[in-house]
Amino acid sequence: MLFLVVALFLFGVLLGTAGHVPVPVTVTAGVVVAAWLVVFFLKERRKSTNSLKGARR
């Protein structure tokens, strides 16, 4: 998943709209997206773990 974020970030810098904005703005946006993905991953993992615990009872 992190590889995908880095790849999209590089494509954005080289080819997309991110090539027209300052580098700090692009880096900040990339960090925000990565943080959102980490939060989403942790929430889904916790949900999966909780549903498995309930199924074992």
C-alpha atoms as a PDB file:
ATOM      1  CA  MET A   1       0.000   0.000   0.000  1.00  0.00           C
ATOM      2  CA  LEU A   2       2.844   2.366   0.826  1.00  0.00           C
ATOM      3  CA  PHE A   3       4.461   1.539  -2.519  1.00  0.00           C
ATOM      4  CA  LEU A   4       1.253   2.626  -4.246  1.00  0.00           C
ATOM      5  CA  VAL A   5       1.238   5.941  -2.373  1.00  0.00           C
ATOM      6  CA  VAL A   6       4.868   6.612  -3.326  1.00  0.00           C
ATOM      7  CA  ALA A   7       4.261   5.646  -6.953  1.00  0.00           C
ATOM      8  CA  LEU A   8       1.210   7.904  -7.241  1.00  0.00           C
ATOM      9  CA  PHE A   9       3.113  10.714  -5.546  1.00  0.00           C
ATOM     10  CA  LEU A  10       5.947  10.428  -8.069  1.00  0.00           C
ATOM     11  CA  PHE A  11       3.544  10.298 -11.014  1.00  0.00           C
ATOM     12  CA  GLY A  12       1.778  13.353  -9.648  1.00  0.00           C
ATOM     13  CA  VAL A  13       5.004  15.282  -9.272  1.00  0.00           C
ATOM     14  CA  LEU A  14       6.279  14.366 -12.705  1.00  0.00           C
ATOM     15  CA  LEU A  15       3.095  14.427 -14.774  1.00  0.00           C
ATOM     16  CA  GLY A  16       0.115  15.872 -12.985  1.00  0.00           C
ATOM     17  CA  THR A  17      -1.186  18.919 -11.230  1.00  0.00           C
ATOM     18  CA  ALA A  18       1.346  18.402  -8.462  1.00  0.00           C
ATOM     19  CA  GLY A  19       3.992  19.464 -10.967  1.00  0.00           C
ATOM     20  CA  HIS A  20       2.502  22.977 -10.944  1.00  0.00           C
ATOM     21  CA  VAL A  21       2.361  23.546  -7.183  1.00  0.00           C
ATOM     22  CA  PRO A  22       5.281  24.064  -4.810  1.00  0.00           C
ATOM     23  CA  VAL A  23       7.061  20.927  -3.590  1.00  0.00           C
ATOM     24  CA  PRO A  24       6.148  21.494   0.121  1.00  0.00           C
ATOM     25  CA  VAL A  25       2.447  21.542  -0.793  1.00  0.00           C
ATOM     26  CA  THR A  26       2.815  18.286  -2.725  1.00  0.00           C
ATOM     27  CA  VAL A  27       4.741  16.631   0.104  1.00  0.00           C
ATOM     28  CA  THR A  28       2.151  17.779   2.656  1.00  0.00           C
ATOM     29  CA  ALA A  29      -0.676  16.371   0.532  1.00  0.00           C
ATOM     30  CA  GLY A  30       1.200  13.079   0.179  1.00  0.00           C
ATOM     31  CA  VAL A  31       1.706  12.855   3.934  1.00  0.00           C
ATOM     32  CA  VAL A  32      -1.985  13.562   4.545  1.00  0.00           C
ATOM     33  CA  VAL A  33      -3.019  10.817   2.122  1.00  0.00           C
ATOM     34  CA  ALA A  34      -0.562   8.358   3.688  1.00  0.00           C
ATOM     35  CA  ALA A  35      -1.852   9.177   7.181  1.00  0.00           C
ATOM     36  CA  TRP A  36      -5.447   8.692   6.034  1.00  0.00           C
ATOM     37  CA  LEU A  37      -4.535   5.292   4.576  1.00  0.00           C
ATOM     38  CA  VAL A  38      -2.840   4.249   7.829  1.00  0.00           C
ATOM     39  CA  VAL A  39      -5.873   5.300   9.888  1.00  0.00           C
ATOM     40  CA  PHE A  40      -8.202   3.466   7.498  1.00  0.00           C
ATOM     41  CA  PHE A  41      -6.014   0.343   7.655  1.00  0.00           C
ATOM     42  CA  LEU A  42      -5.953   0.359  11.455  1.00  0.00           C
ATOM     43  CA  LYS A  43      -9.727   0.866  11.706  1.00  0.00           C
ATOM     44  CA  GLU A  44     -10.395  -1.978   9.277  1.00  0.00           C
ATOM     45  CA  ARG A  45      -7.932  -4.252  11.035  1.00  0.00           C
ATOM     46  CA  ARG A  46      -9.523  -3.534  14.428  1.00  0.00           C
ATOM     47  CA  LYS A  47     -12.972  -4.174  12.950  1.00  0.00           C
ATOM     48  CA  SER A  48     -11.754  -7.470  11.477  1.00  0.00           C
ATOM     49  CA  THR A  49     -10.120  -8.518  14.748  1.00  0.00           C
ATOM     50  CA  ASN A  50     -13.249  -7.686  16.756  1.00  0.00           C
ATOM     51  CA  SER A  51     -15.507  -9.623  14.376  1.00  0.00           C
ATOM     52  CA  LEU A  52     -13.223 -12.651  14.610  1.00  0.00           C
ATOM     53  CA  LYS A  53     -13.303 -12.567  18.406  1.00  0.00           C
ATOM     54  CA  GLY A  54     -17.106 -12.527  18.340  1.00  0.00           C
ATOM     55  CA  ALA A  55     -17.212 -15.478  15.934  1.00  0.00           C
ATOM     56  CA  ARG A  56     -15.103 -17.651  18.247  1.00  0.00           C
ATOM     57  CA  ARG A  57     -17.543 -17.451  21.138  1.00  0.00           C
END
